[in-house]
């Protein structure tokens, strides 16, 4: 075994990710090689130092964006390869389980989750206090939370009223009604804007959220929709809801500028350009306009950026 291979795999060894046979060979080599032993010691000390620092928690928007991208990747991935390998090459699959502790742990977790799901379904068919005429306990009523929601099925607003009807899925489809001012309604709308598989439902959710842009969580959800939603119609709705905050909220302004520069839809870019017109004298906005006027791929955007720059006073 060469020292180069050992040094390339020392990190995997420290994190316990090497297969058993490779780990044994590495340990045998380190026992005879002073340089590699020193490398392993330094790596362990570095790992111990990192372990003393608290793990950073991802921002909610980053987590939601990652889930959305994973969902899109799964929807477009070719199907059948895993089951084909499992059915036609079981020996190779079992070898991977044997030499990969992480994979074995994942299989154990999936099996455990499946057992919990089966138990839940069995318990769900047993009589409850409500079926006997007794009201549900506060604990049972509070058990239904966002973590158990799998998706929003539909969002409708009763014409001429502030009442909203939302159907959402857990193990089975649930339904809740209430005003747009109700916290539960707002939470479900935010959930739909971030996580729902149906672009039409995301459109309905963002459309309703634009009526409450003063709520900070709602504004963050609109910024997220503008930056990450795959449907240009949803992004346009989000822009509409953020319009009144471009002047006073720098985060909104930055999100609109990012859409102006990077969005793939010409309509979204055009609307973003119109929205920054009142703040074109801002330094960051001026810089973006100068870049667009110089070399944007859209002749319309380039022309409009030059026109807006021409209306600004010269900088001394």
C-alpha atoms as a PDB file:
ATOM      1  CA  UNK A   1       0.000   0.000   0.000  1.00  0.00           C
ATOM      2  CA  UNK A   2       1.398   3.422  -1.038  1.00  0.00           C
ATOM      3  CA  UNK A   3       1.648   6.407   1.276  1.00  0.00           C
ATOM      4  CA  UNK A   4      -0.210   8.535  -1.283  1.00  0.00           C
ATOM      5  CA  UNK A   5      -3.302   6.320  -1.058  1.00  0.00           C
ATOM      6  CA  UNK A   6      -3.167   6.350   2.737  1.00  0.00           C
ATOM      7  CA  UNK A   7      -3.017  10.140   2.914  1.00  0.00           C
ATOM      8  CA  UNK A   8      -5.915  10.460   0.490  1.00  0.00           C
ATOM      9  CA  UNK A   9      -8.075   8.237   2.704  1.00  0.00           C
ATOM     10  CA  UNK A  10      -7.004   9.300   6.208  1.00  0.00           C
ATOM     11  CA  UNK A  11      -9.936  11.692   6.519  1.00  0.00           C
ATOM     12  CA  UNK A  12     -12.415   8.926   5.646  1.00  0.00           C
ATOM     13  CA  UNK A  13     -10.735   6.710   8.220  1.00  0.00           C
ATOM     14  CA  UNK A  14     -11.033   9.352  10.964  1.00  0.00           C
ATOM     15  CA  UNK A  15     -14.761   9.776  10.208  1.00  0.00           C
ATOM     16  CA  UNK A  16     -15.303   5.987  10.171  1.00  0.00           C
ATOM     17  CA  UNK A  17     -16.302   5.899   6.504  1.00  0.00           C
ATOM     18  CA  UNK A  18     -13.709   3.424   5.194  1.00  0.00           C
ATOM     19  CA  UNK A  19     -14.728  -0.149   4.380  1.00  0.00           C
ATOM     20  CA  UNK A  20     -13.482  -2.733   6.880  1.00  0.00           C
ATOM     21  CA  UNK A  21     -10.858  -4.256   4.577  1.00  0.00           C
ATOM     22  CA  UNK A  22      -9.484  -0.842   3.562  1.00  0.00           C
ATOM     23  CA  UNK A  23      -9.443   0.312   7.191  1.00  0.00           C
ATOM     24  CA  UNK A  24      -7.457  -2.780   8.210  1.00  0.00           C
ATOM     25  CA  UNK A  25      -4.869  -2.228   5.483  1.00  0.00           C
ATOM     26  CA  UNK A  26      -4.527   1.454   6.368  1.00  0.00           C
ATOM     27  CA  UNK A  27      -3.974   0.668  10.031  1.00  0.00           C
ATOM     28  CA  UNK A  28      -1.361  -1.923   9.135  1.00  0.00           C
ATOM     29  CA  UNK A  29       0.476   0.594   6.965  1.00  0.00           C
ATOM     30  CA  UNK A  30       0.346   3.347   9.600  1.00  0.00           C
ATOM     31  CA  UNK A  31       1.846   0.960  12.161  1.00  0.00           C
ATOM     32  CA  UNK A  32       4.974   0.678   9.969  1.00  0.00           C
ATOM     33  CA  UNK A  33       5.176   4.178   8.433  1.00  0.00           C
ATOM     34  CA  UNK A  34       6.243   7.063  10.683  1.00  0.00           C
ATOM     35  CA  UNK A  35       5.200   9.802   8.227  1.00  0.00           C
ATOM     36  CA  UNK A  36       1.700   8.416   7.715  1.00  0.00           C
ATOM     37  CA  UNK A  37       1.299   7.887  11.460  1.00  0.00           C
ATOM     38  CA  UNK A  38       2.106  11.563  12.018  1.00  0.00           C
ATOM     39  CA  UNK A  39      -0.406  12.498   9.306  1.00  0.00           C
ATOM     40  CA  UNK A  40      -3.097  10.401  10.990  1.00  0.00           C
ATOM     41  CA  UNK A  41      -2.352  11.947  14.397  1.00  0.00           C
ATOM     42  CA  UNK A  42      -2.614  15.481  12.967  1.00  0.00           C
ATOM     43  CA  UNK A  43      -5.909  14.631  11.257  1.00  0.00           C
ATOM     44  CA  UNK A  44      -7.375  13.255  14.490  1.00  0.00           C
ATOM     45  CA  UNK A  45      -6.313  16.356  16.419  1.00  0.00           C
ATOM     46  CA  UNK A  46      -7.902  18.575  13.765  1.00  0.00           C
ATOM     47  CA  UNK A  47     -11.111  16.519  13.893  1.00  0.00           C
ATOM     48  CA  UNK A  48     -11.198  16.817  17.700  1.00  0.00           C
ATOM     49  CA  UNK A  49     -10.733  20.579  17.434  1.00  0.00           C
ATOM     50  CA  UNK A  50     -13.620  20.883  14.963  1.00  0.00           C
ATOM     51  CA  UNK A  51     -15.842  18.760  17.196  1.00  0.00           C
ATOM     52  CA  UNK A  52     -15.543  21.352  19.968  1.00  0.00           C
ATOM     53  CA  UNK A  53     -17.336  23.965  17.852  1.00  0.00           C
ATOM     54  CA  UNK A  54     -21.160  23.889  17.784  1.00  0.00           C
ATOM     55  CA  UNK A  55     -22.616  22.793  14.459  1.00  0.00           C
ATOM     56  CA  UNK A  56     -24.126  25.698  12.505  1.00  0.00           C
ATOM     57  CA  UNK A  57     -27.821  25.372  11.680  1.00  0.00           C
ATOM     58  CA  UNK A  58     -28.791  26.072   8.045  1.00  0.00           C
ATOM     59  CA  UNK A  59     -31.018  29.055   7.349  1.00  0.00           C
ATOM     60  CA  UNK A  60     -34.694  28.126   6.750  1.00  0.00           C
ATOM     61  CA  UNK A  61     -34.593  29.558   3.211  1.00  0.00           C
ATOM     62  CA  UNK A  62     -31.453  27.588   2.341  1.00  0.00           C
ATOM     63  CA  UNK A  63     -32.995  24.403   3.715  1.00  0.00           C
ATOM     64  CA  UNK A  64     -36.215  24.942   1.779  1.00  0.00           C
ATOM     65  CA  UNK A  65     -34.308  25.726  -1.420  1.00  0.00           C
ATOM     66  CA  UNK A  66     -32.226  22.583  -1.036  1.00  0.00           C
ATOM     67  CA  UNK A  67     -35.352  20.482  -0.567  1.00  0.00           C
ATOM     68  CA  UNK A  68     -36.948  22.013  -3.651  1.00  0.00           C
ATOM     69  CA  UNK A  69     -33.848  21.328  -5.757  1.00  0.00           C
ATOM     70  CA  UNK A  70     -33.670  17.758  -4.450  1.00  0.00           C
ATOM     71  CA  UNK A  71     -37.328  17.284  -5.324  1.00  0.00           C
ATOM     72  CA  UNK A  72     -36.735  18.543  -8.869  1.00  0.00           C
ATOM     73  CA  UNK A  73     -33.683  16.312  -9.253  1.00  0.00           C
ATOM     74  CA  UNK A  74     -35.649  13.274  -8.099  1.00  0.00           C
ATOM     75  CA  UNK A  75     -38.471  14.076 -10.512  1.00  0.00           C
ATOM     76  CA  UNK A  76     -36.087  14.236 -13.493  1.00  0.00           C
ATOM     77  CA  UNK A  77     -33.799  11.348 -12.480  1.00  0.00           C
ATOM     78  CA  UNK A  78     -33.931   8.123 -14.457  1.00  0.00           C
ATOM     79  CA  UNK A  79     -35.998   5.508 -12.664  1.00  0.00           C
ATOM     80  CA  UNK A  80     -35.363   1.840 -12.095  1.00  0.00           C
ATOM     81  CA  UNK A  81     -31.597   1.733 -11.735  1.00  0.00           C
ATOM     82  CA  UNK A  82     -31.572   1.045  -7.995  1.00  0.00           C
ATOM     83  CA  UNK A  83     -34.149  -1.732  -8.218  1.00  0.00           C
ATOM     84  CA  UNK A  84     -32.376  -3.164 -11.239  1.00  0.00           C
ATOM     85  CA  UNK A  85     -29.120  -3.387  -9.267  1.00  0.00           C
ATOM     86  CA  UNK A  86     -30.912  -4.818  -6.255  1.00  0.00           C
ATOM     87  CA  UNK A  87     -32.672  -7.508  -8.291  1.00  0.00           C
ATOM     88  CA  UNK A  88     -29.876  -8.464 -10.683  1.00  0.00           C
ATOM     89  CA  UNK A  89     -26.735  -7.865  -8.625  1.00  0.00           C
ATOM     90  CA  UNK A  90     -27.579  -8.717  -5.006  1.00  0.00           C
ATOM     91  CA  UNK A  91     -24.028  -9.804  -4.194  1.00  0.00           C
ATOM     92  CA  UNK A  92     -22.610  -6.364  -5.006  1.00  0.00           C
ATOM     93  CA  UNK A  93     -25.391  -4.676  -3.046  1.00  0.00           C
ATOM     94  CA  UNK A  94     -24.730  -6.805   0.033  1.00  0.00           C
ATOM     95  CA  UNK A  95     -21.017  -6.060  -0.202  1.00  0.00           C
ATOM     96  CA  UNK A  96     -21.815  -2.336  -0.084  1.00  0.00           C
ATOM     97  CA  UNK A  97     -23.901  -2.874   3.052  1.00  0.00           C
ATOM     98  CA  UNK A  98     -21.146  -4.892   4.659  1.00  0.00           C
ATOM     99  CA  UNK A  99     -18.396  -2.342   4.082  1.00  0.00           C
ATOM    100  CA  UNK A 100     -20.383   0.868   4.502  1.00  0.00           C
ATOM    101  CA  UNK A 101     -21.532   1.657   8.054  1.00  0.00           C
ATOM    102  CA  UNK A 102     -23.381   4.747   6.814  1.00  0.00           C
ATOM    103  CA  UNK A 103     -25.436   2.704   4.333  1.00  0.00           C
ATOM    104  CA  UNK A 104     -26.203   0.049   6.934  1.00  0.00           C
ATOM    105  CA  UNK A 105     -27.356   2.753   9.353  1.00  0.00           C
ATOM    106  CA  UNK A 106     -29.589   4.280   6.670  1.00  0.00           C
ATOM    107  CA  UNK A 107     -31.222   0.895   6.014  1.00  0.00           C
ATOM    108  CA  UNK A 108     -31.806   0.443   9.751  1.00  0.00           C
ATOM    109  CA  UNK A 109     -33.396   3.905   9.997  1.00  0.00           C
ATOM    110  CA  UNK A 110     -35.677   3.226   7.009  1.00  0.00           C
ATOM    111  CA  UNK A 111     -36.784  -0.063   8.557  1.00  0.00           C
ATOM    112  CA  UNK A 112     -37.441   1.610  11.892  1.00  0.00           C
ATOM    113  CA  UNK A 113     -39.449   4.384  10.213  1.00  0.00           C
ATOM    114  CA  UNK A 114     -41.476   1.786   8.320  1.00  0.00           C
ATOM    115  CA  UNK A 115     -42.319   0.064  11.584  1.00  0.00           C
ATOM    116  CA  UNK A 116     -43.461   3.346  13.107  1.00  0.00           C
ATOM    117  CA  UNK A 117     -45.609   4.055  10.055  1.00  0.00           C
ATOM    118  CA  UNK A 118     -47.295   0.656  10.315  1.00  0.00           C
ATOM    119  CA  UNK A 119     -47.955   1.163  14.015  1.00  0.00           C
ATOM    120  CA  UNK A 120     -49.416   4.604  13.292  1.00  0.00           C
ATOM    121  CA  UNK A 121     -51.835   3.198  10.710  1.00  0.00           C
ATOM    122  CA  UNK A 122     -52.974   0.494  13.114  1.00  0.00           C
ATOM    123  CA  UNK A 123     -53.526   2.995  15.916  1.00  0.00           C
ATOM    124  CA  UNK A 124     -55.320   5.388  13.547  1.00  0.00           C
ATOM    125  CA  UNK A 125     -58.108   2.830  13.078  1.00  0.00           C
ATOM    126  CA  UNK A 126     -58.691   2.375  16.799  1.00  0.00           C
ATOM    127  CA  UNK A 127     -61.580   4.262  18.439  1.00  0.00           C
ATOM    128  CA  UNK A 128     -60.670   7.667  19.841  1.00  0.00           C
ATOM    129  CA  UNK A 129     -62.187   9.770  22.572  1.00  0.00           C
ATOM    130  CA  UNK A 130     -63.804  12.000  19.958  1.00  0.00           C
ATOM    131  CA  UNK A 131     -65.705   9.036  18.465  1.00  0.00           C
ATOM    132  CA  UNK A 132     -67.190   8.376  21.898  1.00  0.00           C
ATOM    133  CA  UNK A 133     -68.485  11.907  22.165  1.00  0.00           C
ATOM    134  CA  UNK A 134     -65.606  13.305  24.218  1.00  0.00           C
ATOM    135  CA  UNK A 135     -63.606  16.275  22.910  1.00  0.00           C
ATOM    136  CA  UNK A 136     -59.953  15.668  21.994  1.00  0.00           C
ATOM    137  CA  UNK A 137     -57.388  16.468  24.657  1.00  0.00           C
ATOM    138  CA  UNK A 138     -55.175  19.571  24.254  1.00  0.00           C
ATOM    139  CA  UNK A 139     -52.154  17.295  23.760  1.00  0.00           C
ATOM    140  CA  UNK A 140     -53.863  15.463  20.903  1.00  0.00           C
ATOM    141  CA  UNK A 141     -54.964  18.724  19.333  1.00  0.00           C
ATOM    142  CA  UNK A 142     -51.425  20.118  19.466  1.00  0.00           C
ATOM    143  CA  UNK A 143     -49.854  16.980  18.011  1.00  0.00           C
ATOM    144  CA  UNK A 144     -50.700  18.052  14.462  1.00  0.00           C
ATOM    145  CA  UNK A 145     -47.820  20.345  13.466  1.00  0.00           C
ATOM    146  CA  UNK A 146     -45.939  21.434  10.401  1.00  0.00           C
ATOM    147  CA  UNK A 147     -43.472  18.560  10.644  1.00  0.00           C
ATOM    148  CA  UNK A 148     -46.255  16.060   9.859  1.00  0.00           C
ATOM    149  CA  UNK A 149     -47.528  17.884   6.757  1.00  0.00           C
ATOM    150  CA  UNK A 150     -46.563  16.189   3.495  1.00  0.00           C
ATOM    151  CA  UNK A 151     -48.046  18.728   1.086  1.00  0.00           C
ATOM    152  CA  UNK A 152     -50.758  21.294   0.369  1.00  0.00           C
ATOM    153  CA  UNK A 153     -53.464  19.949  -1.936  1.00  0.00           C
ATOM    154  CA  UNK A 154     -55.472  23.100  -2.698  1.00  0.00           C
ATOM    155  CA  UNK A 155     -56.026  26.702  -1.588  1.00  0.00           C
ATOM    156  CA  UNK A 156     -59.277  28.568  -2.240  1.00  0.00           C
ATOM    157  CA  UNK A 157     -60.632  31.901  -1.034  1.00  0.00           C
ATOM    158  CA  UNK A 158     -64.349  32.397  -0.653  1.00  0.00           C
ATOM    159  CA  UNK A 159     -65.390  35.181  -3.067  1.00  0.00           C
ATOM    160  CA  UNK A 160     -65.950  38.537  -1.416  1.00  0.00           C
ATOM    161  CA  UNK A 161     -64.685  37.384   1.998  1.00  0.00           C
ATOM    162  CA  UNK A 162     -61.459  37.031   3.922  1.00  0.00           C
ATOM    163  CA  UNK A 163     -62.107  33.326   4.530  1.00  0.00           C
ATOM    164  CA  UNK A 164     -59.613  30.819   3.132  1.00  0.00           C
ATOM    165  CA  UNK A 165     -60.020  27.064   2.749  1.00  0.00           C
ATOM    166  CA  UNK A 166     -56.845  24.930   2.685  1.00  0.00           C
ATOM    167  CA  UNK A 167     -56.654  21.171   2.153  1.00  0.00           C
ATOM    168  CA  UNK A 168     -53.370  19.621   3.218  1.00  0.00           C
ATOM    169  CA  UNK A 169     -52.020  16.084   3.372  1.00  0.00           C
ATOM    170  CA  UNK A 170     -50.627  14.167   6.315  1.00  0.00           C
ATOM    171  CA  UNK A 171     -51.302  10.436   6.347  1.00  0.00           C
ATOM    172  CA  UNK A 172     -54.674  11.448   4.926  1.00  0.00           C
ATOM    173  CA  UNK A 173     -56.006  14.726   3.550  1.00  0.00           C
ATOM    174  CA  UNK A 174     -56.935  17.297   6.205  1.00  0.00           C
ATOM    175  CA  UNK A 175     -58.783  20.575   5.818  1.00  0.00           C
ATOM    176  CA  UNK A 176     -58.770  23.858   7.725  1.00  0.00           C
ATOM    177  CA  UNK A 177     -60.707  27.087   7.269  1.00  0.00           C
ATOM    178  CA  UNK A 178     -60.048  30.546   8.599  1.00  0.00           C
ATOM    179  CA  UNK A 179     -59.172  34.152   7.946  1.00  0.00           C
ATOM    180  CA  UNK A 180     -55.950  35.287   6.329  1.00  0.00           C
ATOM    181  CA  UNK A 181     -55.175  36.849   9.725  1.00  0.00           C
ATOM    182  CA  UNK A 182     -55.230  33.422  11.430  1.00  0.00           C
ATOM    183  CA  UNK A 183     -51.753  32.226  12.366  1.00  0.00           C
ATOM    184  CA  UNK A 184     -52.484  28.636  11.306  1.00  0.00           C
ATOM    185  CA  UNK A 185     -53.658  29.775   7.864  1.00  0.00           C
ATOM    186  CA  UNK A 186     -50.515  31.879   7.454  1.00  0.00           C
ATOM    187  CA  UNK A 187     -48.302  28.943   8.480  1.00  0.00           C
ATOM    188  CA  UNK A 188     -49.910  26.662   5.904  1.00  0.00           C
ATOM    189  CA  UNK A 189     -49.585  29.314   3.199  1.00  0.00           C
ATOM    190  CA  UNK A 190     -45.894  29.710   4.040  1.00  0.00           C
ATOM    191  CA  UNK A 191     -45.487  25.938   3.923  1.00  0.00           C
ATOM    192  CA  UNK A 192     -47.128  25.802   0.493  1.00  0.00           C
ATOM    193  CA  UNK A 193     -44.967  28.636  -0.834  1.00  0.00           C
ATOM    194  CA  UNK A 194     -41.777  26.846   0.215  1.00  0.00           C
ATOM    195  CA  UNK A 195     -42.441  23.137  -0.183  1.00  0.00           C
ATOM    196  CA  UNK A 196     -45.463  22.232  -2.261  1.00  0.00           C
ATOM    197  CA  UNK A 197     -45.036  20.041  -5.348  1.00  0.00           C
ATOM    198  CA  UNK A 198     -47.859  21.742  -7.253  1.00  0.00           C
ATOM    199  CA  UNK A 199     -46.906  25.039  -8.923  1.00  0.00           C
ATOM    200  CA  UNK A 200     -50.571  26.047  -9.090  1.00  0.00           C
ATOM    201  CA  UNK A 201     -50.887  25.730  -5.313  1.00  0.00           C
ATOM    202  CA  UNK A 202     -47.664  27.723  -4.863  1.00  0.00           C
ATOM    203  CA  UNK A 203     -49.170  30.393  -7.120  1.00  0.00           C
ATOM    204  CA  UNK A 204     -52.347  30.551  -4.998  1.00  0.00           C
ATOM    205  CA  UNK A 205     -50.305  30.678  -1.806  1.00  0.00           C
ATOM    206  CA  UNK A 206     -47.976  33.461  -2.972  1.00  0.00           C
ATOM    207  CA  UNK A 207     -50.950  35.397  -4.353  1.00  0.00           C
ATOM    208  CA  UNK A 208     -52.577  35.385  -0.916  1.00  0.00           C
ATOM    209  CA  UNK A 209     -49.317  36.119   0.896  1.00  0.00           C
ATOM    210  CA  UNK A 210     -48.889  39.296  -1.147  1.00  0.00           C
ATOM    211  CA  UNK A 211     -51.806  40.675   0.878  1.00  0.00           C
ATOM    212  CA  UNK A 212     -49.656  40.426   4.056  1.00  0.00           C
ATOM    213  CA  UNK A 213     -46.193  41.663   3.026  1.00  0.00           C
ATOM    214  CA  UNK A 214     -45.785  43.607   6.283  1.00  0.00           C
ATOM    215  CA  UNK A 215     -45.312  40.288   8.126  1.00  0.00           C
ATOM    216  CA  UNK A 216     -41.568  39.587   8.119  1.00  0.00           C
ATOM    217  CA  UNK A 217     -41.957  35.826   7.577  1.00  0.00           C
ATOM    218  CA  UNK A 218     -44.248  36.488   4.631  1.00  0.00           C
ATOM    219  CA  UNK A 219     -41.745  38.900   3.099  1.00  0.00           C
ATOM    220  CA  UNK A 220     -38.998  36.295   3.490  1.00  0.00           C
ATOM    221  CA  UNK A 221     -41.223  33.723   1.790  1.00  0.00           C
ATOM    222  CA  UNK A 222     -41.822  36.089  -1.129  1.00  0.00           C
ATOM    223  CA  UNK A 223     -38.067  36.693  -1.458  1.00  0.00           C
ATOM    224  CA  UNK A 224     -37.514  32.943  -1.424  1.00  0.00           C
ATOM    225  CA  UNK A 225     -40.167  32.423  -4.119  1.00  0.00           C
ATOM    226  CA  UNK A 226     -38.562  35.124  -6.264  1.00  0.00           C
ATOM    227  CA  UNK A 227     -35.116  33.559  -5.951  1.00  0.00           C
ATOM    228  CA  UNK A 228     -35.851  29.836  -6.134  1.00  0.00           C
ATOM    229  CA  UNK A 229     -39.311  29.004  -7.498  1.00  0.00           C
ATOM    230  CA  UNK A 230     -39.145  27.250 -10.869  1.00  0.00           C
ATOM    231  CA  UNK A 231     -42.428  28.747 -12.094  1.00  0.00           C
ATOM    232  CA  UNK A 232     -41.996  32.252 -13.624  1.00  0.00           C
ATOM    233  CA  UNK A 233     -45.630  33.070 -12.828  1.00  0.00           C
ATOM    234  CA  UNK A 234     -44.952  32.498  -9.120  1.00  0.00           C
ATOM    235  CA  UNK A 235     -41.824  34.664  -9.335  1.00  0.00           C
ATOM    236  CA  UNK A 236     -43.846  37.464 -10.951  1.00  0.00           C
ATOM    237  CA  UNK A 237     -46.439  37.237  -8.162  1.00  0.00           C
ATOM    238  CA  UNK A 238     -43.659  37.457  -5.588  1.00  0.00           C
ATOM    239  CA  UNK A 239     -42.250  40.549  -7.315  1.00  0.00           C
ATOM    240  CA  UNK A 240     -45.669  42.169  -7.188  1.00  0.00           C
ATOM    241  CA  UNK A 241     -45.895  41.574  -3.443  1.00  0.00           C
ATOM    242  CA  UNK A 242     -42.399  42.950  -2.798  1.00  0.00           C
ATOM    243  CA  UNK A 243     -42.777  46.098  -4.894  1.00  0.00           C
ATOM    244  CA  UNK A 244     -43.617  48.503  -2.075  1.00  0.00           C
ATOM    245  CA  UNK A 245     -40.509  47.485  -0.083  1.00  0.00           C
ATOM    246  CA  UNK A 246     -37.828  48.086  -2.719  1.00  0.00           C
ATOM    247  CA  UNK A 247     -37.154  51.597  -1.400  1.00  0.00           C
ATOM    248  CA  UNK A 248     -36.852  50.823   2.312  1.00  0.00           C
ATOM    249  CA  UNK A 249     -35.783  47.178   2.592  1.00  0.00           C
ATOM    250  CA  UNK A 250     -32.268  46.470   1.337  1.00  0.00           C
ATOM    251  CA  UNK A 251     -32.884  42.696   1.359  1.00  0.00           C
ATOM    252  CA  UNK A 252     -35.848  43.122  -0.961  1.00  0.00           C
ATOM    253  CA  UNK A 253     -33.831  45.451  -3.187  1.00  0.00           C
ATOM    254  CA  UNK A 254     -30.974  42.948  -3.414  1.00  0.00           C
ATOM    255  CA  UNK A 255     -33.393  40.132  -4.285  1.00  0.00           C
ATOM    256  CA  UNK A 256     -34.975  42.231  -7.047  1.00  0.00           C
ATOM    257  CA  UNK A 257     -31.526  43.130  -8.430  1.00  0.00           C
ATOM    258  CA  UNK A 258     -30.549  39.467  -8.403  1.00  0.00           C
ATOM    259  CA  UNK A 259     -33.707  38.620 -10.362  1.00  0.00           C
ATOM    260  CA  UNK A 260     -32.922  41.418 -12.818  1.00  0.00           C
ATOM    261  CA  UNK A 261     -29.443  40.057 -13.474  1.00  0.00           C
ATOM    262  CA  UNK A 262     -29.923  36.282 -13.238  1.00  0.00           C
ATOM    263  CA  UNK A 263     -33.550  35.319 -13.862  1.00  0.00           C
ATOM    264  CA  UNK A 264     -34.062  33.163 -16.941  1.00  0.00           C
ATOM    265  CA  UNK A 265     -37.474  34.640 -17.772  1.00  0.00           C
ATOM    266  CA  UNK A 266     -37.556  37.914 -19.783  1.00  0.00           C
ATOM    267  CA  UNK A 267     -40.865  38.936 -18.214  1.00  0.00           C
ATOM    268  CA  UNK A 268     -39.501  38.617 -14.682  1.00  0.00           C
ATOM    269  CA  UNK A 269     -36.396  40.610 -15.624  1.00  0.00           C
ATOM    270  CA  UNK A 270     -38.459  43.343 -17.253  1.00  0.00           C
ATOM    271  CA  UNK A 271     -40.708  43.654 -14.196  1.00  0.00           C
ATOM    272  CA  UNK A 272     -37.671  43.756 -11.898  1.00  0.00           C
ATOM    273  CA  UNK A 273     -36.165  46.547 -14.011  1.00  0.00           C
ATOM    274  CA  UNK A 274     -39.399  48.541 -13.739  1.00  0.00           C
ATOM    275  CA  UNK A 275     -39.465  48.079  -9.957  1.00  0.00           C
ATOM    276  CA  UNK A 276     -35.972  49.504  -9.359  1.00  0.00           C
ATOM    277  CA  UNK A 277     -36.693  52.690 -11.349  1.00  0.00           C
ATOM    278  CA  UNK A 278     -37.584  54.692  -8.180  1.00  0.00           C
ATOM    279  CA  UNK A 279     -34.244  53.746  -6.562  1.00  0.00           C
ATOM    280  CA  UNK A 280     -32.013  53.968  -9.628  1.00  0.00           C
ATOM    281  CA  UNK A 281     -29.800  56.557  -7.895  1.00  0.00           C
ATOM    282  CA  UNK A 282     -28.786  54.009  -5.245  1.00  0.00           C
ATOM    283  CA  UNK A 283     -25.149  52.963  -5.585  1.00  0.00           C
ATOM    284  CA  UNK A 284     -25.806  49.230  -5.894  1.00  0.00           C
ATOM    285  CA  UNK A 285     -28.623  49.811  -8.388  1.00  0.00           C
ATOM    286  CA  UNK A 286     -26.460  52.170 -10.460  1.00  0.00           C
ATOM    287  CA  UNK A 287     -23.699  49.548 -10.589  1.00  0.00           C
ATOM    288  CA  UNK A 288     -26.095  46.881 -11.856  1.00  0.00           C
ATOM    289  CA  UNK A 289     -27.522  49.266 -14.468  1.00  0.00           C
ATOM    290  CA  UNK A 290     -24.029  50.082 -15.724  1.00  0.00           C
ATOM    291  CA  UNK A 291     -23.237  46.380 -16.122  1.00  0.00           C
ATOM    292  CA  UNK A 292     -26.511  45.735 -17.955  1.00  0.00           C
ATOM    293  CA  UNK A 293     -26.051  48.745 -20.229  1.00  0.00           C
ATOM    294  CA  UNK A 294     -22.592  47.528 -21.185  1.00  0.00           C
ATOM    295  CA  UNK A 295     -23.178  43.898 -22.122  1.00  0.00           C
ATOM    296  CA  UNK A 296     -26.603  42.454 -21.352  1.00  0.00           C
ATOM    297  CA  UNK A 297     -27.803  39.756 -23.768  1.00  0.00           C
ATOM    298  CA  UNK A 298     -31.264  41.380 -24.024  1.00  0.00           C
ATOM    299  CA  UNK A 299     -31.322  44.433 -26.272  1.00  0.00           C
ATOM    300  CA  UNK A 300     -34.425  45.729 -24.473  1.00  0.00           C
ATOM    301  CA  UNK A 301     -32.836  45.444 -21.018  1.00  0.00           C
ATOM    302  CA  UNK A 302     -29.632  47.031 -22.309  1.00  0.00           C
ATOM    303  CA  UNK A 303     -31.540  49.931 -23.886  1.00  0.00           C
ATOM    304  CA  UNK A 304     -33.689  50.565 -20.816  1.00  0.00           C
ATOM    305  CA  UNK A 305     -30.662  50.453 -18.519  1.00  0.00           C
ATOM    306  CA  UNK A 306     -28.901  53.089 -20.663  1.00  0.00           C
ATOM    307  CA  UNK A 307     -32.013  55.268 -20.594  1.00  0.00           C
ATOM    308  CA  UNK A 308     -32.243  55.088 -16.799  1.00  0.00           C
ATOM    309  CA  UNK A 309     -28.536  55.881 -16.432  1.00  0.00           C
ATOM    310  CA  UNK A 310     -28.885  58.889 -18.711  1.00  0.00           C
ATOM    311  CA  UNK A 311     -31.512  60.310 -16.369  1.00  0.00           C
ATOM    312  CA  UNK A 312     -29.137  60.207 -13.391  1.00  0.00           C
ATOM    313  CA  UNK A 313     -26.860  63.121 -12.471  1.00  0.00           C
ATOM    314  CA  UNK A 314     -23.146  62.720 -13.123  1.00  0.00           C
ATOM    315  CA  UNK A 315     -20.994  61.518 -10.222  1.00  0.00           C
ATOM    316  CA  UNK A 316     -18.238  63.953  -9.333  1.00  0.00           C
END
